Amino acid sequence: VVIVVVVVALIVVVLTGVVVVVVKVVVVVVVEEVVVVLVAVVVVLLVIVVLVKSLADFTAFWRHQGLFST
């Protein structure tokens, strides 16, 4: 009886450990993916903002020069 209890306890401990490890790995992978995606989105947004601002400054400059009739 004692041996069975010990074996069952060991199995439970091992399964719990495996589940914990799997959950940790999944969380880490998901978090990393999310972080990578967020960084990519922020970078793209920054690039778009910079490009739009540059374009606006550029057109304003040329408009100031009187080359654009609009």
N, C-alpha and C. Protein backbone atom coordinates (compact mmCIF):
# COMPACT_ATOMS: atom_id res chain seq x y z
N VAL A 1 0.85 -1.21 0.00
CA VAL A 1 0.00 0.00 0.00
C VAL A 1 0.87 1.24 0.00
N VAL A 2 1.90 1.26 0.82
CA VAL A 2 2.79 2.41 0.91
C VAL A 2 3.46 2.67 -0.44
N ILE A 3 3.92 1.57 -1.08
CA ILE A 3 4.60 1.70 -2.37
C ILE A 3 3.67 2.33 -3.40
N VAL A 4 2.42 1.88 -3.45
CA VAL A 4 1.44 2.43 -4.40
C VAL A 4 1.25 3.92 -4.15
N VAL A 5 1.10 4.29 -2.89
CA VAL A 5 0.93 5.71 -2.55
C VAL A 5 2.14 6.52 -3.01
N VAL A 6 3.35 6.00 -2.75
CA VAL A 6 4.57 6.69 -3.14
C VAL A 6 4.63 6.84 -4.65
N VAL A 7 4.32 5.75 -5.38
CA VAL A 7 4.35 5.80 -6.85
C VAL A 7 3.34 6.82 -7.37
N VAL A 8 2.13 6.78 -6.84
CA VAL A 8 1.10 7.74 -7.26
C VAL A 8 1.56 9.16 -6.97
N ALA A 9 2.11 9.37 -5.78
CA ALA A 9 2.60 10.70 -5.41
C ALA A 9 3.68 11.16 -6.38
N LEU A 10 4.61 10.27 -6.71
CA LEU A 10 5.68 10.60 -7.65
C LEU A 10 5.10 10.97 -9.02
N ILE A 11 4.14 10.16 -9.49
CA ILE A 11 3.52 10.44 -10.79
C ILE A 11 2.85 11.81 -10.76
N VAL A 12 2.10 12.09 -9.70
CA VAL A 12 1.43 13.39 -9.57
C VAL A 12 2.46 14.52 -9.60
N VAL A 13 3.54 14.36 -8.83
CA VAL A 13 4.58 15.39 -8.78
C VAL A 13 5.19 15.60 -10.16
N VAL A 14 5.52 14.50 -10.84
CA VAL A 14 6.13 14.59 -12.17
C VAL A 14 5.18 15.26 -13.15
N LEU A 15 3.91 14.82 -13.14
CA LEU A 15 2.92 15.42 -14.05
C LEU A 15 2.76 16.91 -13.77
N THR A 16 2.68 17.26 -12.47
CA THR A 16 2.56 18.67 -12.10
C THR A 16 3.76 19.46 -12.61
N GLY A 17 4.96 18.89 -12.42
CA GLY A 17 6.17 19.55 -12.91
C GLY A 17 6.13 19.74 -14.40
N VAL A 18 5.72 18.69 -15.14
CA VAL A 18 5.63 18.77 -16.60
C VAL A 18 4.65 19.85 -17.00
N VAL A 19 3.46 19.85 -16.37
CA VAL A 19 2.44 20.86 -16.69
C VAL A 19 2.99 22.26 -16.43
N VAL A 20 3.64 22.45 -15.27
CA VAL A 20 4.20 23.77 -14.94
C VAL A 20 5.21 24.20 -16.00
N VAL A 21 6.10 23.28 -16.38
CA VAL A 21 7.12 23.60 -17.38
C VAL A 21 6.47 23.97 -18.71
N VAL A 22 5.49 23.16 -19.14
CA VAL A 22 4.80 23.44 -20.40
C VAL A 22 4.14 24.81 -20.35
N VAL A 23 3.43 25.08 -19.26
CA VAL A 23 2.76 26.38 -19.12
C VAL A 23 3.77 27.51 -19.18
N LYS A 24 4.89 27.35 -18.46
CA LYS A 24 5.93 28.38 -18.47
C LYS A 24 6.45 28.62 -19.88
N VAL A 25 6.75 27.52 -20.59
CA VAL A 25 7.26 27.65 -21.95
C VAL A 25 6.25 28.36 -22.83
N VAL A 26 4.99 27.93 -22.75
CA VAL A 26 3.93 28.55 -23.57
C VAL A 26 3.83 30.04 -23.25
N VAL A 27 3.83 30.37 -21.96
CA VAL A 27 3.72 31.78 -21.56
C VAL A 27 4.90 32.58 -22.11
N VAL A 28 6.12 32.02 -21.96
CA VAL A 28 7.31 32.73 -22.44
C VAL A 28 7.23 32.95 -23.94
N VAL A 29 6.87 31.88 -24.68
CA VAL A 29 6.79 31.99 -26.14
C VAL A 29 5.74 33.02 -26.54
N VAL A 30 4.56 32.92 -25.92
CA VAL A 30 3.48 33.85 -26.25
C VAL A 30 3.89 35.28 -25.94
N VAL A 31 4.47 35.48 -24.74
CA VAL A 31 4.89 36.82 -24.33
C VAL A 31 5.93 37.36 -25.31
N GLU A 32 6.90 36.50 -25.68
CA GLU A 32 7.93 36.95 -26.63
C GLU A 32 7.30 37.33 -27.96
N GLU A 33 6.36 36.49 -28.45
CA GLU A 33 5.68 36.79 -29.70
C GLU A 33 4.97 38.13 -29.60
N VAL A 34 4.24 38.31 -28.50
CA VAL A 34 3.48 39.56 -28.31
C VAL A 34 4.44 40.75 -28.29
N VAL A 35 5.55 40.61 -27.54
CA VAL A 35 6.52 41.70 -27.46
C VAL A 35 7.09 42.01 -28.84
N VAL A 36 7.45 40.96 -29.59
CA VAL A 36 8.00 41.17 -30.93
C VAL A 36 6.99 41.88 -31.81
N VAL A 37 5.73 41.42 -31.78
CA VAL A 37 4.68 42.05 -32.58
C VAL A 37 4.49 43.52 -32.17
N LEU A 38 4.45 43.76 -30.87
CA LEU A 38 4.27 45.13 -30.38
C LEU A 38 5.41 46.03 -30.85
N VAL A 39 6.65 45.54 -30.70
CA VAL A 39 7.81 46.32 -31.14
C VAL A 39 7.71 46.61 -32.63
N ALA A 40 7.36 45.58 -33.41
CA ALA A 40 7.23 45.76 -34.86
C ALA A 40 6.18 46.81 -35.17
N VAL A 41 5.02 46.73 -34.51
CA VAL A 41 3.95 47.71 -34.74
C VAL A 41 4.42 49.11 -34.40
N VAL A 42 5.08 49.26 -33.25
CA VAL A 42 5.57 50.58 -32.83
C VAL A 42 6.56 51.12 -33.85
N VAL A 43 7.49 50.27 -34.31
CA VAL A 43 8.48 50.71 -35.29
C VAL A 43 7.80 51.15 -36.57
N VAL A 44 6.86 50.33 -37.06
CA VAL A 44 6.13 50.68 -38.29
C VAL A 44 5.41 52.00 -38.12
N LEU A 45 4.73 52.17 -37.00
CA LEU A 45 4.00 53.43 -36.74
C LEU A 45 4.96 54.61 -36.73
N LEU A 46 6.11 54.45 -36.06
CA LEU A 46 7.09 55.52 -36.01
C LEU A 46 7.58 55.88 -37.42
N VAL A 47 7.88 54.85 -38.22
CA VAL A 47 8.33 55.08 -39.58
C VAL A 47 7.27 55.83 -40.37
N ILE A 48 6.00 55.39 -40.24
CA ILE A 48 4.91 56.06 -40.96
C ILE A 48 4.81 57.52 -40.52
N VAL A 49 4.86 57.76 -39.21
CA VAL A 49 4.77 59.13 -38.70
C VAL A 49 5.90 59.98 -39.26
N VAL A 50 7.13 59.44 -39.22
CA VAL A 50 8.28 60.18 -39.73
C VAL A 50 8.12 60.48 -41.21
N LEU A 51 7.69 59.45 -41.98
CA LEU A 51 7.51 59.63 -43.41
C LEU A 51 6.45 60.70 -43.69
N VAL A 52 5.31 60.61 -43.01
CA VAL A 52 4.23 61.58 -43.21
C VAL A 52 4.72 62.98 -42.86
N LYS A 53 5.43 63.10 -41.74
CA LYS A 53 5.94 64.41 -41.33
C LYS A 53 6.93 64.94 -42.37
N SER A 54 7.83 64.08 -42.83
CA SER A 54 8.79 64.49 -43.85
C SER A 54 8.06 64.94 -45.10
N LEU A 55 7.07 64.17 -45.52
CA LEU A 55 6.30 64.50 -46.71
C LEU A 55 5.59 65.84 -46.52
N ALA A 56 5.01 66.03 -45.34
CA ALA A 56 4.30 67.28 -45.06
C ALA A 56 5.28 68.46 -45.10
N ASP A 57 6.43 68.30 -44.45
CA ASP A 57 7.44 69.36 -44.47
C ASP A 57 7.90 69.63 -45.90
N PHE A 58 8.11 68.55 -46.65
CA PHE A 58 8.58 68.66 -48.03
C PHE A 58 7.57 69.45 -48.88
N THR A 59 6.30 69.04 -48.81
CA THR A 59 5.27 69.71 -49.61
C THR A 59 5.09 71.15 -49.14
N ALA A 60 5.16 71.35 -47.82
CA ALA A 60 5.03 72.72 -47.30
C ALA A 60 6.19 73.57 -47.81
N PHE A 61 7.38 73.00 -47.83
CA PHE A 61 8.56 73.72 -48.32
C PHE A 61 8.36 74.11 -49.79
N TRP A 62 7.95 73.13 -50.61
CA TRP A 62 7.79 73.42 -52.03
C TRP A 62 6.62 74.38 -52.25
N ARG A 63 5.58 74.25 -51.45
CA ARG A 63 4.44 75.16 -51.55
C ARG A 63 4.92 76.57 -51.23
N HIS A 64 5.78 76.65 -50.21
CA HIS A 64 6.34 77.93 -49.82
C HIS A 64 7.16 78.52 -50.98
N GLN A 65 7.82 77.66 -51.74
CA GLN A 65 8.61 78.11 -52.88
C GLN A 65 7.72 78.54 -54.05
N GLY A 66 6.41 78.23 -53.94
CA GLY A 66 5.49 78.64 -54.98
C GLY A 66 5.49 77.69 -56.18
N LEU A 67 6.02 76.45 -56.01
CA LEU A 67 6.03 75.51 -57.13
C LEU A 67 4.71 74.74 -57.21
N PHE A 68 3.99 74.66 -56.08
CA PHE A 68 2.67 74.02 -56.09
C PHE A 68 1.61 75.11 -56.13
N SER A 69 0.70 74.98 -57.08
CA SER A 69 -0.38 75.98 -57.17
C SER A 69 -1.46 75.69 -56.14
N THR A 70 -1.51 74.45 -55.62
CA THR A 70 -2.57 74.10 -54.68
C THR A 70 -2.34 74.76 -53.34
